[in-house]
């Protein structure tokens, strides 16, 4: 029996919902060179709210894509890093970024044409 990837409870859709989220892609891409603190991630990802960053990081950690390490120092320090599974997403994230940079002109032209329709 073939799985219906459009069904809400399909495991493939659940994974696509996680890795297809814009904040998830930006977090994974931000962590490509190594671990970062929460504040460093927030600074790199312009426009993400603290609530959304926290929710996305928790989801990525739950799905095994990111690890969260708490260091017993004062003040407490928390680092986030990609797992092996998370690193396997870098090729996809890079491809999405490359596509966006290559086609942004086309997208902007299409938006302008759409917005100028009567």
PDB file of N, CA and C in Angstrom:
ATOM      1  N   UNK A   1       0.845  -1.187   0.000  1.00  0.00           N
ATOM      2  CA  UNK A   1       0.000   0.000   0.000  1.00  0.00           C
ATOM      3  C   UNK A   1       0.882   1.238   0.000  1.00  0.00           C
ATOM      4  N   UNK A   2       0.599   2.170  -0.861  1.00  0.00           N
ATOM      5  CA  UNK A   2       1.381   3.392  -0.986  1.00  0.00           C
ATOM      6  C   UNK A   2       0.922   4.414   0.057  1.00  0.00           C
ATOM      7  N   UNK A   3       1.888   5.111   0.656  1.00  0.00           N
ATOM      8  CA  UNK A   3       1.568   6.127   1.647  1.00  0.00           C
ATOM      9  C   UNK A   3       1.099   7.395   0.958  1.00  0.00           C
ATOM     10  N   UNK A   4       0.048   7.999   1.476  1.00  0.00           N
ATOM     11  CA  UNK A   4      -0.465   9.254   0.941  1.00  0.00           C
ATOM     12  C   UNK A   4       0.302  10.403   1.582  1.00  0.00           C
ATOM     13  N   UNK A   5       1.289  10.955   0.853  1.00  0.00           N
ATOM     14  CA  UNK A   5       2.141  12.005   1.419  1.00  0.00           C
ATOM     15  C   UNK A   5       1.367  13.293   1.680  1.00  0.00           C
ATOM     16  N   UNK A   6       0.149  13.396   1.169  1.00  0.00           N
ATOM     17  CA  UNK A   6      -0.664  14.581   1.404  1.00  0.00           C
ATOM     18  C   UNK A   6      -1.486  14.470   2.686  1.00  0.00           C
ATOM     19  N   UNK A   7      -1.540  13.267   3.252  1.00  0.00           N
ATOM     20  CA  UNK A   7      -2.287  13.077   4.487  1.00  0.00           C
ATOM     21  C   UNK A   7      -1.556  13.746   5.644  1.00  0.00           C
ATOM     22  N   UNK A   8      -2.306  14.366   6.536  1.00  0.00           N
ATOM     23  CA  UNK A   8      -1.716  15.114   7.649  1.00  0.00           C
ATOM     24  C   UNK A   8      -0.830  14.242   8.535  1.00  0.00           C
ATOM     25  N   UNK A   9      -1.190  13.003   8.728  1.00  0.00           N
ATOM     26  CA  UNK A   9      -0.441  12.132   9.627  1.00  0.00           C
ATOM     27  C   UNK A   9       0.659  11.330   8.940  1.00  0.00           C
ATOM     28  N   UNK A  10       0.904  11.583   7.664  1.00  0.00           N
ATOM     29  CA  UNK A  10       1.954  10.867   6.941  1.00  0.00           C
ATOM     30  C   UNK A  10       3.317  11.284   7.498  1.00  0.00           C
ATOM     31  N   UNK A  11       4.179  10.324   7.845  1.00  0.00           N
ATOM     32  CA  UNK A  11       5.500  10.663   8.380  1.00  0.00           C
ATOM     33  C   UNK A  11       6.321  11.543   7.431  1.00  0.00           C
ATOM     34  N   UNK A  12       6.217  11.282   6.132  1.00  0.00           N
ATOM     35  CA  UNK A  12       6.963  12.112   5.177  1.00  0.00           C
ATOM     36  C   UNK A  12       6.509  13.564   5.236  1.00  0.00           C
ATOM     37  N   UNK A  13       5.228  13.767   5.339  1.00  0.00           N
ATOM     38  CA  UNK A  13       4.712  15.137   5.417  1.00  0.00           C
ATOM     39  C   UNK A  13       5.160  15.814   6.700  1.00  0.00           C
ATOM     40  N   UNK A  14       5.196  15.078   7.778  1.00  0.00           N
ATOM     41  CA  UNK A  14       5.640  15.656   9.047  1.00  0.00           C
ATOM     42  C   UNK A  14       7.093  16.130   8.944  1.00  0.00           C
ATOM     43  N   UNK A  15       7.935  15.345   8.292  1.00  0.00           N
ATOM     44  CA  UNK A  15       9.333  15.745   8.106  1.00  0.00           C
ATOM     45  C   UNK A  15       9.418  16.932   7.153  1.00  0.00           C
ATOM     46  N   UNK A  16       8.646  16.903   6.067  1.00  0.00           N
ATOM     47  CA  UNK A  16       8.649  18.026   5.124  1.00  0.00           C
ATOM     48  C   UNK A  16       8.164  19.314   5.782  1.00  0.00           C
ATOM     49  N   UNK A  17       7.179  19.196   6.656  1.00  0.00           N
ATOM     50  CA  UNK A  17       6.713  20.376   7.386  1.00  0.00           C
ATOM     51  C   UNK A  17       7.840  20.981   8.215  1.00  0.00           C
ATOM     52  N   UNK A  18       8.673  20.143   8.798  1.00  0.00           N
ATOM     53  CA  UNK A  18       9.778  20.632   9.627  1.00  0.00           C
ATOM     54  C   UNK A  18      10.878  21.239   8.762  1.00  0.00           C
ATOM     55  N   UNK A  19      11.384  20.478   7.801  1.00  0.00           N
ATOM     56  CA  UNK A  19      12.552  20.958   7.051  1.00  0.00           C
ATOM     57  C   UNK A  19      12.187  21.949   5.957  1.00  0.00           C
ATOM     58  N   UNK A  20      10.900  22.032   5.618  1.00  0.00           N
ATOM     59  CA  UNK A  20      10.477  22.996   4.609  1.00  0.00           C
ATOM     60  C   UNK A  20      10.125  24.353   5.187  1.00  0.00           C
ATOM     61  N   UNK A  21      10.133  24.457   6.479  1.00  0.00           N
ATOM     62  CA  UNK A  21       9.847  25.716   7.156  1.00  0.00           C
ATOM     63  C   UNK A  21      11.011  26.686   6.956  1.00  0.00           C
ATOM     64  N   UNK A  22      10.697  27.934   6.636  1.00  0.00           N
ATOM     65  CA  UNK A  22      11.744  28.931   6.351  1.00  0.00           C
ATOM     66  C   UNK A  22      12.703  29.098   7.525  1.00  0.00           C
ATOM     67  N   UNK A  23      12.176  29.128   8.752  1.00  0.00           N
ATOM     68  CA  UNK A  23      13.064  29.320   9.905  1.00  0.00           C
ATOM     69  C   UNK A  23      13.988  28.116  10.076  1.00  0.00           C
ATOM     70  N   UNK A  24      13.481  26.924   9.838  1.00  0.00           N
ATOM     71  CA  UNK A  24      14.321  25.727   9.954  1.00  0.00           C
ATOM     72  C   UNK A  24      15.464  25.762   8.957  1.00  0.00           C
ATOM     73  N   UNK A  25      15.165  26.135   7.723  1.00  0.00           N
ATOM     74  CA  UNK A  25      16.203  26.221   6.692  1.00  0.00           C
ATOM     75  C   UNK A  25      17.264  27.246   7.096  1.00  0.00           C
ATOM     76  N   UNK A  26      16.821  28.385   7.601  1.00  0.00           N
ATOM     77  CA  UNK A  26      17.771  29.428   8.003  1.00  0.00           C
ATOM     78  C   UNK A  26      18.608  29.003   9.207  1.00  0.00           C
ATOM     79  N   UNK A  27      18.020  28.286  10.142  1.00  0.00           N
ATOM     80  CA  UNK A  27      18.773  27.798  11.305  1.00  0.00           C
ATOM     81  C   UNK A  27      19.806  26.771  10.863  1.00  0.00           C
ATOM     82  N   UNK A  28      19.382  25.798  10.059  1.00  0.00           N
ATOM     83  CA  UNK A  28      20.321  24.773   9.585  1.00  0.00           C
ATOM     84  C   UNK A  28      21.473  25.425   8.827  1.00  0.00           C
ATOM     85  N   UNK A  29      21.159  26.357   7.945  1.00  0.00           N
ATOM     86  CA  UNK A  29      22.201  27.049   7.186  1.00  0.00           C
ATOM     87  C   UNK A  29      23.132  27.850   8.095  1.00  0.00           C
ATOM     88  N   UNK A  30      22.578  28.456   9.126  1.00  0.00           N
ATOM     89  CA  UNK A  30      23.390  29.247  10.057  1.00  0.00           C
ATOM     90  C   UNK A  30      24.365  28.389  10.846  1.00  0.00           C
ATOM     91  N   UNK A  31      23.999  27.147  11.075  1.00  0.00           N
ATOM     92  CA  UNK A  31      24.841  26.250  11.881  1.00  0.00           C
ATOM     93  C   UNK A  31      25.831  25.446  11.044  1.00  0.00           C
ATOM     94  N   UNK A  32      25.931  25.734   9.757  1.00  0.00           N
ATOM     95  CA  UNK A  32      26.780  24.919   8.873  1.00  0.00           C
ATOM     96  C   UNK A  32      28.253  24.952   9.255  1.00  0.00           C
ATOM     97  N   UNK A  33      28.717  26.057   9.840  1.00  0.00           N
ATOM     98  CA  UNK A  33      30.135  26.170  10.179  1.00  0.00           C
ATOM     99  C   UNK A  33      30.443  25.812  11.631  1.00  0.00           C
ATOM    100  N   UNK A  34      29.446  25.392  12.377  1.00  0.00           N
ATOM    101  CA  UNK A  34      29.684  25.000  13.760  1.00  0.00           C
ATOM    102  C   UNK A  34      28.603  25.524  14.683  1.00  0.00           C
ATOM    103  N   UNK A  35      28.799  25.266  15.962  1.00  0.00           N
ATOM    104  CA  UNK A  35      27.781  25.614  16.952  1.00  0.00           C
ATOM    105  C   UNK A  35      27.698  27.123  17.161  1.00  0.00           C
ATOM    106  N   UNK A  36      26.504  27.544  17.557  1.00  0.00           N
ATOM    107  CA  UNK A  36      26.240  28.948  17.859  1.00  0.00           C
ATOM    108  C   UNK A  36      25.384  29.037  19.109  1.00  0.00           C
ATOM    109  N   UNK A  37      25.520  30.136  19.812  1.00  0.00           N
ATOM    110  CA  UNK A  37      24.646  30.424  20.935  1.00  0.00           C
ATOM    111  C   UNK A  37      23.309  30.924  20.405  1.00  0.00           C
ATOM    112  N   UNK A  38      22.315  30.894  21.268  1.00  0.00           N
ATOM    113  CA  UNK A  38      20.978  31.357  20.917  1.00  0.00           C
ATOM    114  C   UNK A  38      21.029  32.799  20.408  1.00  0.00           C
ATOM    115  N   UNK A  39      21.728  33.658  21.123  1.00  0.00           N
ATOM    116  CA  UNK A  39      21.787  35.070  20.720  1.00  0.00           C
ATOM    117  C   UNK A  39      22.491  35.247  19.377  1.00  0.00           C
ATOM    118  N   UNK A  40      23.486  34.425  19.101  1.00  0.00           N
ATOM    119  CA  UNK A  40      24.171  34.496  17.806  1.00  0.00           C
ATOM    120  C   UNK A  40      23.225  34.089  16.676  1.00  0.00           C
ATOM    121  N   UNK A  41      22.422  33.058  16.930  1.00  0.00           N
ATOM    122  CA  UNK A  41      21.430  32.652  15.930  1.00  0.00           C
ATOM    123  C   UNK A  41      20.414  33.770  15.705  1.00  0.00           C
ATOM    124  N   UNK A  42      19.942  34.362  16.777  1.00  0.00           N
ATOM    125  CA  UNK A  42      18.956  35.434  16.663  1.00  0.00           C
ATOM    126  C   UNK A  42      19.515  36.612  15.870  1.00  0.00           C
ATOM    127  N   UNK A  43      20.782  36.920  16.055  1.00  0.00           N
ATOM    128  CA  UNK A  43      21.408  38.023  15.320  1.00  0.00           C
ATOM    129  C   UNK A  43      21.576  37.684  13.843  1.00  0.00           C
ATOM    130  N   UNK A  44      21.899  36.441  13.533  1.00  0.00           N
ATOM    131  CA  UNK A  44      22.096  36.029  12.137  1.00  0.00           C
ATOM    132  C   UNK A  44      20.796  35.961  11.361  1.00  0.00           C
ATOM    133  N   UNK A  45      19.724  35.601  12.042  1.00  0.00           N
ATOM    134  CA  UNK A  45      18.446  35.383  11.362  1.00  0.00           C
ATOM    135  C   UNK A  45      17.555  36.598  11.627  1.00  0.00           C
ATOM    136  N   UNK A  46      17.751  37.598  10.844  1.00  0.00           N
ATOM    137  CA  UNK A  46      17.035  38.854  10.991  1.00  0.00           C
ATOM    138  C   UNK A  46      15.539  38.638  10.829  1.00  0.00           C
ATOM    139  N   UNK A  47      14.756  39.133  11.780  1.00  0.00           N
ATOM    140  CA  UNK A  47      13.307  39.068  11.676  1.00  0.00           C
ATOM    141  C   UNK A  47      12.644  37.935  12.430  1.00  0.00           C
ATOM    142  N   UNK A  48      13.413  36.978  12.918  1.00  0.00           N
ATOM    143  CA  UNK A  48      12.805  35.881  13.668  1.00  0.00           C
ATOM    144  C   UNK A  48      12.522  36.363  15.092  1.00  0.00           C
ATOM    145  N   UNK A  49      11.314  36.092  15.563  1.00  0.00           N
ATOM    146  CA  UNK A  49      10.959  36.473  16.928  1.00  0.00           C
ATOM    147  C   UNK A  49      11.582  35.467  17.901  1.00  0.00           C
ATOM    148  N   UNK A  50      11.818  35.897  19.139  1.00  0.00           N
ATOM    149  CA  UNK A  50      12.350  34.953  20.128  1.00  0.00           C
ATOM    150  C   UNK A  50      11.466  33.711  20.280  1.00  0.00           C
ATOM    151  N   UNK A  51      10.148  33.910  20.264  1.00  0.00           N
ATOM    152  CA  UNK A  51       9.229  32.778  20.399  1.00  0.00           C
ATOM    153  C   UNK A  51       9.386  31.797  19.239  1.00  0.00           C
ATOM    154  N   UNK A  52       9.459  32.315  18.017  1.00  0.00           N
ATOM    155  CA  UNK A  52       9.565  31.441  16.841  1.00  0.00           C
ATOM    156  C   UNK A  52      10.922  30.747  16.799  1.00  0.00           C
ATOM    157  N   UNK A  53      11.988  31.465  17.170  1.00  0.00           N
ATOM    158  CA  UNK A  53      13.311  30.845  17.196  1.00  0.00           C
ATOM    159  C   UNK A  53      13.338  29.707  18.209  1.00  0.00           C
ATOM    160  N   UNK A  54      12.799  29.946  19.382  1.00  0.00           N
ATOM    161  CA  UNK A  54      12.761  28.910  20.422  1.00  0.00           C
ATOM    162  C   UNK A  54      11.939  27.711  19.970  1.00  0.00           C
ATOM    163  N   UNK A  55      10.748  27.953  19.417  1.00  0.00           N
ATOM    164  CA  UNK A  55       9.892  26.853  18.948  1.00  0.00           C
ATOM    165  C   UNK A  55      10.568  26.040  17.857  1.00  0.00           C
ATOM    166  N   UNK A  56      11.203  26.737  16.924  1.00  0.00           N
ATOM    167  CA  UNK A  56      11.847  26.038  15.812  1.00  0.00           C
ATOM    168  C   UNK A  56      13.037  25.229  16.302  1.00  0.00           C
ATOM    169  N   UNK A  57      13.841  25.804  17.182  1.00  0.00           N
ATOM    170  CA  UNK A  57      14.981  25.067  17.736  1.00  0.00           C
ATOM    171  C   UNK A  57      14.514  23.829  18.496  1.00  0.00           C
ATOM    172  N   UNK A  58      13.455  23.955  19.265  1.00  0.00           N
ATOM    173  CA  UNK A  58      12.926  22.795  20.002  1.00  0.00           C
ATOM    174  C   UNK A  58      12.445  21.705  19.038  1.00  0.00           C
ATOM    175  N   UNK A  59      11.769  22.109  17.970  1.00  0.00           N
ATOM    176  CA  UNK A  59      11.318  21.137  16.982  1.00  0.00           C
ATOM    177  C   UNK A  59      12.471  20.454  16.282  1.00  0.00           C
ATOM    178  N   UNK A  60      13.492  21.229  15.919  1.00  0.00           N
ATOM    179  CA  UNK A  60      14.672  20.648  15.270  1.00  0.00           C
ATOM    180  C   UNK A  60      15.414  19.711  16.221  1.00  0.00           C
ATOM    181  N   UNK A  61      15.458  20.069  17.492  1.00  0.00           N
ATOM    182  CA  UNK A  61      16.096  19.194  18.481  1.00  0.00           C
ATOM    183  C   UNK A  61      15.281  17.911  18.648  1.00  0.00           C
ATOM    184  N   UNK A  62      13.983  18.048  18.726  1.00  0.00           N
ATOM    185  CA  UNK A  62      13.104  16.882  18.878  1.00  0.00           C
ATOM    186  C   UNK A  62      13.249  15.921  17.701  1.00  0.00           C
ATOM    187  N   UNK A  63      13.435  16.485  16.492  1.00  0.00           N
ATOM    188  CA  UNK A  63      13.560  15.666  15.292  1.00  0.00           C
ATOM    189  C   UNK A  63      14.977  15.164  15.050  1.00  0.00           C
ATOM    190  N   UNK A  64      15.907  15.473  15.954  1.00  0.00           N
ATOM    191  CA  UNK A  64      17.265  14.955  15.834  1.00  0.00           C
ATOM    192  C   UNK A  64      18.140  15.703  14.858  1.00  0.00           C
ATOM    193  N   UNK A  65      17.762  16.927  14.494  1.00  0.00           N
ATOM    194  CA  UNK A  65      18.515  17.705  13.517  1.00  0.00           C
ATOM    195  C   UNK A  65      19.519  18.631  14.198  1.00  0.00           C
ATOM    196  N   UNK A  66      19.181  19.059  15.404  1.00  0.00           N
ATOM    197  CA  UNK A  66      20.017  19.986  16.168  1.00  0.00           C
ATOM    198  C   UNK A  66      20.228  19.427  17.569  1.00  0.00           C
ATOM    199  N   UNK A  67      21.405  19.661  18.114  1.00  0.00           N
ATOM    200  CA  UNK A  67      21.650  19.335  19.516  1.00  0.00           C
ATOM    201  C   UNK A  67      21.722  20.633  20.311  1.00  0.00           C
ATOM    202  N   UNK A  68      21.313  20.551  21.541  1.00  0.00           N
ATOM    203  CA  UNK A  68      21.351  21.682  22.467  1.00  0.00           C
ATOM    204  C   UNK A  68      22.257  21.283  23.615  1.00  0.00           C
ATOM    205  N   UNK A  69      23.321  22.063  23.832  1.00  0.00           N
ATOM    206  CA  UNK A  69      24.268  21.767  24.901  1.00  0.00           C
ATOM    207  C   UNK A  69      24.266  22.913  25.903  1.00  0.00           C
ATOM    208  N   UNK A  70      23.963  22.582  27.156  1.00  0.00           N
ATOM    209  CA  UNK A  70      23.968  23.570  28.232  1.00  0.00           C
ATOM    210  C   UNK A  70      25.289  23.437  28.972  1.00  0.00           C
ATOM    211  N   UNK A  71      26.014  24.548  29.063  1.00  0.00           N
ATOM    212  CA  UNK A  71      27.298  24.567  29.763  1.00  0.00           C
ATOM    213  C   UNK A  71      27.087  25.109  31.176  1.00  0.00           C
ATOM    214  N   UNK A  72      27.626  24.407  32.150  1.00  0.00           N
ATOM    215  CA  UNK A  72      27.456  24.780  33.558  1.00  0.00           C
ATOM    216  C   UNK A  72      28.422  25.895  33.934  1.00  0.00           C
ATOM    217  N   UNK A  73      28.154  27.074  33.434  1.00  0.00           N
ATOM    218  CA  UNK A  73      28.955  28.255  33.760  1.00  0.00           C
ATOM    219  C   UNK A  73      28.004  29.367  34.167  1.00  0.00           C
ATOM    220  N   UNK A  74      28.562  30.406  34.758  1.00  0.00           N
ATOM    221  CA  UNK A  74      27.760  31.559  35.141  1.00  0.00           C
ATOM    222  C   UNK A  74      28.225  32.748  34.324  1.00  0.00           C
ATOM    223  N   UNK A  75      27.353  33.384  33.544  1.00  0.00           N
ATOM    224  CA  UNK A  75      25.960  32.992  33.303  1.00  0.00           C
ATOM    225  C   UNK A  75      25.883  31.738  32.447  1.00  0.00           C
ATOM    226  N   UNK A  76      24.756  31.032  32.514  1.00  0.00           N
ATOM    227  CA  UNK A  76      24.614  29.796  31.736  1.00  0.00           C
ATOM    228  C   UNK A  76      24.813  30.059  30.248  1.00  0.00           C
ATOM    229  N   UNK A  77      25.409  29.096  29.579  1.00  0.00           N
ATOM    230  CA  UNK A  77      25.639  29.204  28.143  1.00  0.00           C
ATOM    231  C   UNK A  77      25.016  27.993  27.462  1.00  0.00           C
ATOM    232  N   UNK A  78      24.281  28.266  26.398  1.00  0.00           N
ATOM    233  CA  UNK A  78      23.632  27.199  25.635  1.00  0.00           C
ATOM    234  C   UNK A  78      24.097  27.312  24.193  1.00  0.00           C
ATOM    235  N   UNK A  79      24.586  26.209  23.655  1.00  0.00           N
ATOM    236  CA  UNK A  79      25.030  26.154  22.263  1.00  0.00           C
ATOM    237  C   UNK A  79      24.136  25.205  21.482  1.00  0.00           C
ATOM    238  N   UNK A  80      23.937  25.556  20.216  1.00  0.00           N
ATOM    239  CA  UNK A  80      23.189  24.703  19.291  1.00  0.00           C
ATOM    240  C   UNK A  80      24.117  24.292  18.167  1.00  0.00           C
ATOM    241  N   UNK A  81      24.007  23.033  17.752  1.00  0.00           N
ATOM    242  CA  UNK A  81      24.848  22.511  16.676  1.00  0.00           C
ATOM    243  C   UNK A  81      24.046  21.499  15.868  1.00  0.00           C
ATOM    244  N   UNK A  82      24.480  21.305  14.637  1.00  0.00           N
ATOM    245  CA  UNK A  82      23.847  20.299  13.794  1.00  0.00           C
ATOM    246  C   UNK A  82      24.303  18.907  14.197  1.00  0.00           C
ATOM    247  N   UNK A  83      23.396  17.965  14.152  1.00  0.00           N
ATOM    248  CA  UNK A  83      23.738  16.559  14.316  1.00  0.00           C
ATOM    249  C   UNK A  83      24.195  16.033  12.949  1.00  0.00           C
ATOM    250  N   UNK A  84      24.576  14.792  12.900  1.00  0.00           N
ATOM    251  CA  UNK A  84      24.910  14.169  11.615  1.00  0.00           C
ATOM    252  C   UNK A  84      23.691  14.222  10.686  1.00  0.00           C
ATOM    253  N   UNK A  85      22.531  13.967  11.236  1.00  0.00           N
ATOM    254  CA  UNK A  85      21.299  14.051  10.456  1.00  0.00           C
ATOM    255  C   UNK A  85      21.082  15.480   9.954  1.00  0.00           C
ATOM    256  N   UNK A  86      21.314  16.450  10.810  1.00  0.00           N
ATOM    257  CA  UNK A  86      21.176  17.845  10.420  1.00  0.00           C
ATOM    258  C   UNK A  86      22.154  18.247   9.335  1.00  0.00           C
ATOM    259  N   UNK A  87      23.380  17.773   9.431  1.00  0.00           N
ATOM    260  CA  UNK A  87      24.394  18.079   8.412  1.00  0.00           C
ATOM    261  C   UNK A  87      23.999  17.505   7.056  1.00  0.00           C
ATOM    262  N   UNK A  88      23.244  16.419   7.081  1.00  0.00           N
ATOM    263  CA  UNK A  88      22.816  15.822   5.815  1.00  0.00           C
ATOM    264  C   UNK A  88      21.815  16.717   5.078  1.00  0.00           C
ATOM    265  N   UNK A  89      21.249  17.705   5.748  1.00  0.00           N
ATOM    266  CA  UNK A  89      20.322  18.653   5.123  1.00  0.00           C
ATOM    267  C   UNK A  89      21.027  19.819   4.435  1.00  0.00           C
ATOM    268  N   UNK A  90      22.311  19.996   4.690  1.00  0.00           N
ATOM    269  CA  UNK A  90      23.010  21.167   4.162  1.00  0.00           C
ATOM    270  C   UNK A  90      22.961  21.260   2.640  1.00  0.00           C
ATOM    271  N   UNK A  91      23.072  20.148   1.956  1.00  0.00           N
ATOM    272  CA  UNK A  91      23.006  20.166   0.495  1.00  0.00           C
ATOM    273  C   UNK A  91      21.665  20.699   0.008  1.00  0.00           C
ATOM    274  N   UNK A  92      20.588  20.263   0.648  1.00  0.00           N
ATOM    275  CA  UNK A  92      19.253  20.751   0.281  1.00  0.00           C
ATOM    276  C   UNK A  92      19.112  22.237   0.586  1.00  0.00           C
ATOM    277  N   UNK A  93      19.577  22.656   1.740  1.00  0.00           N
ATOM    278  CA  UNK A  93      19.486  24.079   2.108  1.00  0.00           C
ATOM    279  C   UNK A  93      20.304  24.934   1.155  1.00  0.00           C
ATOM    280  N   UNK A  94      21.492  24.477   0.806  1.00  0.00           N
ATOM    281  CA  UNK A  94      22.323  25.223  -0.143  1.00  0.00           C
ATOM    282  C   UNK A  94      21.653  25.306  -1.509  1.00  0.00           C
ATOM    283  N   UNK A  95      21.026  24.215  -1.929  1.00  0.00           N
ATOM    284  CA  UNK A  95      20.338  24.212  -3.219  1.00  0.00           C
ATOM    285  C   UNK A  95      19.169  25.199  -3.214  1.00  0.00           C
ATOM    286  N   UNK A  96      18.421  25.262  -2.120  1.00  0.00           N
ATOM    287  CA  UNK A  96      17.322  26.220  -2.020  1.00  0.00           C
ATOM    288  C   UNK A  96      17.838  27.657  -2.065  1.00  0.00           C
ATOM    289  N   UNK A  97      18.921  27.910  -1.351  1.00  0.00           N
ATOM    290  CA  UNK A  97      19.502  29.249  -1.351  1.00  0.00           C
ATOM    291  C   UNK A  97      20.004  29.617  -2.747  1.00  0.00           C
ATOM    292  N   UNK A  98      20.690  28.696  -3.399  1.00  0.00           N
ATOM    293  CA  UNK A  98      21.186  28.948  -4.755  1.00  0.00           C
ATOM    294  C   UNK A  98      20.035  29.242  -5.714  1.00  0.00           C
ATOM    295  N   UNK A  99      18.958  28.451  -5.613  1.00  0.00           N
ATOM    296  CA  UNK A  99      17.807  28.653  -6.483  1.00  0.00           C
ATOM    297  C   UNK A  99      17.204  30.031  -6.239  1.00  0.00           C
ATOM    298  N   UNK A 100      17.041  30.399  -4.956  1.00  0.00           N
ATOM    299  CA  UNK A 100      16.448  31.692  -4.615  1.00  0.00           C
ATOM    300  C   UNK A 100      17.287  32.843  -5.160  1.00  0.00           C
ATOM    301  N   UNK A 101      18.600  32.747  -5.025  1.00  0.00           N
ATOM    302  CA  UNK A 101      19.475  33.809  -5.514  1.00  0.00           C
ATOM    303  C   UNK A 101      19.458  33.884  -7.041  1.00  0.00           C
ATOM    304  N   UNK A 102      19.396  32.743  -7.700  1.00  0.00           N
ATOM    305  CA  UNK A 102      19.381  32.698  -9.159  1.00  0.00           C
ATOM    306  C   UNK A 102      18.075  33.248  -9.735  1.00  0.00           C
ATOM    307  N   UNK A 103      16.965  32.994  -9.042  1.00  0.00           N
ATOM    308  CA  UNK A 103      15.647  33.311  -9.595  1.00  0.00           C
ATOM    309  C   UNK A 103      14.936  34.479  -8.929  1.00  0.00           C
ATOM    310  N   UNK A 104      15.592  35.216  -8.035  1.00  0.00           N
ATOM    311  CA  UNK A 104      14.910  36.307  -7.346  1.00  0.00           C
ATOM    312  C   UNK A 104      14.389  37.343  -8.336  1.00  0.00           C
ATOM    313  N   UNK A 105      15.140  37.616  -9.389  1.00  0.00           N
ATOM    314  CA  UNK A 105      14.674  38.567 -10.402  1.00  0.00           C
ATOM    315  C   UNK A 105      13.391  38.107 -11.066  1.00  0.00           C
ATOM    316  N   UNK A 106      13.324  36.823 -11.398  1.00  0.00           N
ATOM    317  CA  UNK A 106      12.117  36.260 -12.009  1.00  0.00           C
ATOM    318  C   UNK A 106      10.929  36.349 -11.052  1.00  0.00           C
ATOM    319  N   UNK A 107      11.179  36.049  -9.789  1.00  0.00           N
ATOM    320  CA  UNK A 107      10.111  36.105  -8.790  1.00  0.00           C
ATOM    321  C   UNK A 107       9.617  37.546  -8.625  1.00  0.00           C
ATOM    322  N   UNK A 108      10.536  38.488  -8.537  1.00  0.00           N
ATOM    323  CA  UNK A 108      10.138  39.892  -8.390  1.00  0.00           C
ATOM    324  C   UNK A 108       9.359  40.382  -9.607  1.00  0.00           C
ATOM    325  N   UNK A 109       9.789  39.971 -10.802  1.00  0.00           N
ATOM    326  CA  UNK A 109       9.056  40.327 -12.023  1.00  0.00           C
ATOM    327  C   UNK A 109       7.643  39.737 -11.999  1.00  0.00           C
ATOM    328  N   UNK A 110       7.529  38.488 -11.597  1.00  0.00           N
ATOM    329  CA  UNK A 110       6.219  37.831 -11.533  1.00  0.00           C
ATOM    330  C   UNK A 110       5.316  38.522 -10.515  1.00  0.00           C
ATOM    331  N   UNK A 111       5.876  38.902  -9.377  1.00  0.00           N
ATOM    332  CA  UNK A 111       5.078  39.605  -8.365  1.00  0.00           C
ATOM    333  C   UNK A 111       4.575  40.945  -8.901  1.00  0.00           C
ATOM    334  N   UNK A 112       5.464  41.662  -9.563  1.00  0.00           N
ATOM    335  CA  UNK A 112       5.088  42.963 -10.110  1.00  0.00           C
ATOM    336  C   UNK A 112       3.984  42.809 -11.149  1.00  0.00           C
ATOM    337  N   UNK A 113       4.112  41.812 -12.021  1.00  0.00           N
ATOM    338  CA  UNK A 113       3.095  41.572 -13.037  1.00  0.00           C
ATOM    339  C   UNK A 113       1.766  41.185 -12.378  1.00  0.00           C
ATOM    340  N   UNK A 114       1.832  40.356 -11.370  1.00  0.00           N
ATOM    341  CA  UNK A 114       0.620  39.933 -10.667  1.00  0.00           C
ATOM    342  C   UNK A 114      -0.042  41.121  -9.969  1.00  0.00           C
ATOM    343  N   UNK A 115       0.751  41.916  -9.262  1.00  0.00           N
ATOM    344  CA  UNK A 115       0.220  43.041  -8.492  1.00  0.00           C
ATOM    345  C   UNK A 115      -0.337  44.149  -9.383  1.00  0.00           C
ATOM    346  N   UNK A 116       0.113  44.230 -10.634  1.00  0.00           N
ATOM    347  CA  UNK A 116      -0.356  45.291 -11.517  1.00  0.00           C
ATOM    348  C   UNK A 116      -1.578  44.875 -12.335  1.00  0.00           C
ATOM    349  N   UNK A 117      -2.041  43.651 -12.144  1.00  0.00           N
ATOM    350  CA  UNK A 117      -3.240  43.195 -12.854  1.00  0.00           C
ATOM    351  C   UNK A 117      -4.463  43.949 -12.353  1.00  0.00           C
ATOM    352  N   UNK A 118      -5.392  44.214 -13.263  1.00  0.00           N
ATOM    353  CA  UNK A 118      -6.625  44.923 -12.839  1.00  0.00           C
ATOM    354  C   UNK A 118      -7.505  44.047 -11.965  1.00  0.00           C
TER     355      UNK A 118
END
